[in-house]
């Protein structure tokens, strides 16, 4: 019997929105995250979290800083270009 894996997100657009929202929450509440937090992606299910990567298994870890940029007002915001590049790895 073959077990089918169901991805959490179905397309690149949904993945981009999910990661951008996740990065946005991280930026708003950065003190609630571990100091060594990274963006963690489980590539089969496309689950994404920001957490300490120490105990993650079968996941890909990314430095959060590459997904953050400064806008014209000097605020940190999700970097949509690098988030789209990440999505292209999975879709």
C-alpha atoms as a PDB file:
ATOM      1  CA  UNK A   1       0.000   0.000   0.000  1.00  0.00           C
ATOM      2  CA  UNK A   2       1.439   3.341  -1.031  1.00  0.00           C
ATOM      3  CA  UNK A   3       1.085   6.227   1.378  1.00  0.00           C
ATOM      4  CA  UNK A   4       0.401   9.599  -0.206  1.00  0.00           C
ATOM      5  CA  UNK A   5       2.027  12.677   1.268  1.00  0.00           C
ATOM      6  CA  UNK A   6      -0.148  15.767   1.385  1.00  0.00           C
ATOM      7  CA  UNK A   7       1.678  19.062   1.277  1.00  0.00           C
ATOM      8  CA  UNK A   8       0.442  21.756   3.580  1.00  0.00           C
ATOM      9  CA  UNK A   9       0.457  24.375   0.807  1.00  0.00           C
ATOM     10  CA  UNK A  10      -0.587  23.587  -2.732  1.00  0.00           C
ATOM     11  CA  UNK A  11       1.207  26.212  -4.818  1.00  0.00           C
ATOM     12  CA  UNK A  12       4.079  28.681  -4.859  1.00  0.00           C
ATOM     13  CA  UNK A  13       1.853  31.704  -4.214  1.00  0.00           C
ATOM     14  CA  UNK A  14       0.435  30.160  -1.021  1.00  0.00           C
ATOM     15  CA  UNK A  15       3.939  29.200   0.119  1.00  0.00           C
ATOM     16  CA  UNK A  16       5.229  32.756  -0.477  1.00  0.00           C
ATOM     17  CA  UNK A  17       2.342  34.272   1.484  1.00  0.00           C
ATOM     18  CA  UNK A  18       2.806  31.811   4.337  1.00  0.00           C
ATOM     19  CA  UNK A  19       6.554  32.451   4.626  1.00  0.00           C
ATOM     20  CA  UNK A  20       6.106  36.244   4.354  1.00  0.00           C
ATOM     21  CA  UNK A  21       3.502  36.143   7.150  1.00  0.00           C
ATOM     22  CA  UNK A  22       5.777  33.941   9.257  1.00  0.00           C
ATOM     23  CA  UNK A  23       8.707  36.345   8.813  1.00  0.00           C
ATOM     24  CA  UNK A  24       6.383  39.282   9.607  1.00  0.00           C
ATOM     25  CA  UNK A  25       5.291  37.654  12.879  1.00  0.00           C
ATOM     26  CA  UNK A  26       8.936  36.978  13.716  1.00  0.00           C
ATOM     27  CA  UNK A  27       9.838  40.635  13.142  1.00  0.00           C
ATOM     28  CA  UNK A  28       6.940  41.865  15.310  1.00  0.00           C
ATOM     29  CA  UNK A  29       7.697  39.486  18.184  1.00  0.00           C
ATOM     30  CA  UNK A  30      11.426  38.803  17.808  1.00  0.00           C
ATOM     31  CA  UNK A  31      11.908  38.532  21.583  1.00  0.00           C
ATOM     32  CA  UNK A  32       9.607  35.492  21.650  1.00  0.00           C
ATOM     33  CA  UNK A  33      12.000  33.445  19.486  1.00  0.00           C
ATOM     34  CA  UNK A  34      15.279  31.713  20.386  1.00  0.00           C
ATOM     35  CA  UNK A  35      18.430  33.734  19.700  1.00  0.00           C
ATOM     36  CA  UNK A  36      19.628  31.153  17.178  1.00  0.00           C
ATOM     37  CA  UNK A  37      16.260  30.865  15.432  1.00  0.00           C
ATOM     38  CA  UNK A  38      16.226  29.938  11.766  1.00  0.00           C
ATOM     39  CA  UNK A  39      13.577  29.452   9.133  1.00  0.00           C
ATOM     40  CA  UNK A  40      13.026  25.697   9.031  1.00  0.00           C
ATOM     41  CA  UNK A  41      11.334  24.043   6.048  1.00  0.00           C
ATOM     42  CA  UNK A  42      10.278  20.413   5.965  1.00  0.00           C
ATOM     43  CA  UNK A  43      10.575  19.880   2.191  1.00  0.00           C
ATOM     44  CA  UNK A  44       8.137  16.976   1.771  1.00  0.00           C
ATOM     45  CA  UNK A  45       5.234  18.594   3.613  1.00  0.00           C
ATOM     46  CA  UNK A  46       6.336  22.216   3.114  1.00  0.00           C
ATOM     47  CA  UNK A  47       5.769  22.934   6.792  1.00  0.00           C
ATOM     48  CA  UNK A  48       7.574  26.113   7.807  1.00  0.00           C
ATOM     49  CA  UNK A  49       8.498  27.320  11.283  1.00  0.00           C
ATOM     50  CA  UNK A  50      10.940  29.704  12.861  1.00  0.00           C
ATOM     51  CA  UNK A  51      12.694  28.006  15.747  1.00  0.00           C
ATOM     52  CA  UNK A  52      15.941  26.632  17.102  1.00  0.00           C
ATOM     53  CA  UNK A  53      17.158  24.176  14.437  1.00  0.00           C
ATOM     54  CA  UNK A  54      18.968  21.936  16.932  1.00  0.00           C
ATOM     55  CA  UNK A  55      16.247  19.306  17.105  1.00  0.00           C
ATOM     56  CA  UNK A  56      14.921  19.511  13.557  1.00  0.00           C
ATOM     57  CA  UNK A  57      15.228  16.348  11.481  1.00  0.00           C
ATOM     58  CA  UNK A  58      14.889  15.940   7.714  1.00  0.00           C
ATOM     59  CA  UNK A  59      14.483  19.695   7.370  1.00  0.00           C
ATOM     60  CA  UNK A  60      16.258  22.495   5.571  1.00  0.00           C
ATOM     61  CA  UNK A  61      17.410  25.425   7.694  1.00  0.00           C
ATOM     62  CA  UNK A  62      17.838  28.992   6.479  1.00  0.00           C
ATOM     63  CA  UNK A  63      19.315  32.092   8.068  1.00  0.00           C
ATOM     64  CA  UNK A  64      16.347  34.396   8.711  1.00  0.00           C
ATOM     65  CA  UNK A  65      18.386  37.495   7.881  1.00  0.00           C
ATOM     66  CA  UNK A  66      18.323  36.628   4.191  1.00  0.00           C
ATOM     67  CA  UNK A  67      14.525  36.970   4.211  1.00  0.00           C
ATOM     68  CA  UNK A  68      14.480  40.412   5.858  1.00  0.00           C
ATOM     69  CA  UNK A  69      15.143  43.827   4.337  1.00  0.00           C
ATOM     70  CA  UNK A  70      14.777  47.449   5.375  1.00  0.00           C
ATOM     71  CA  UNK A  71      12.014  49.473   3.737  1.00  0.00           C
ATOM     72  CA  UNK A  72      12.135  53.202   2.891  1.00  0.00           C
ATOM     73  CA  UNK A  73      10.968  54.126   6.386  1.00  0.00           C
ATOM     74  CA  UNK A  74      13.827  52.140   7.927  1.00  0.00           C
ATOM     75  CA  UNK A  75      11.623  49.313   9.209  1.00  0.00           C
ATOM     76  CA  UNK A  76      12.486  45.646   8.875  1.00  0.00           C
ATOM     77  CA  UNK A  77      10.059  43.827   6.545  1.00  0.00           C
ATOM     78  CA  UNK A  78       9.923  40.457   4.771  1.00  0.00           C
ATOM     79  CA  UNK A  79      12.123  40.397   1.650  1.00  0.00           C
ATOM     80  CA  UNK A  80       9.710  39.167  -1.000  1.00  0.00           C
ATOM     81  CA  UNK A  81      12.433  38.647  -3.607  1.00  0.00           C
ATOM     82  CA  UNK A  82      14.350  36.140  -1.488  1.00  0.00           C
ATOM     83  CA  UNK A  83      11.115  34.498  -0.329  1.00  0.00           C
ATOM     84  CA  UNK A  84      10.109  34.001  -3.988  1.00  0.00           C
ATOM     85  CA  UNK A  85      13.555  32.537  -4.686  1.00  0.00           C
ATOM     86  CA  UNK A  86      13.032  30.109  -1.803  1.00  0.00           C
ATOM     87  CA  UNK A  87       9.639  29.104  -3.201  1.00  0.00           C
ATOM     88  CA  UNK A  88      11.228  28.343  -6.567  1.00  0.00           C
ATOM     89  CA  UNK A  89      13.250  25.600  -4.862  1.00  0.00           C
ATOM     90  CA  UNK A  90      10.063  23.731  -3.989  1.00  0.00           C
ATOM     91  CA  UNK A  91       7.727  24.521  -6.912  1.00  0.00           C
END
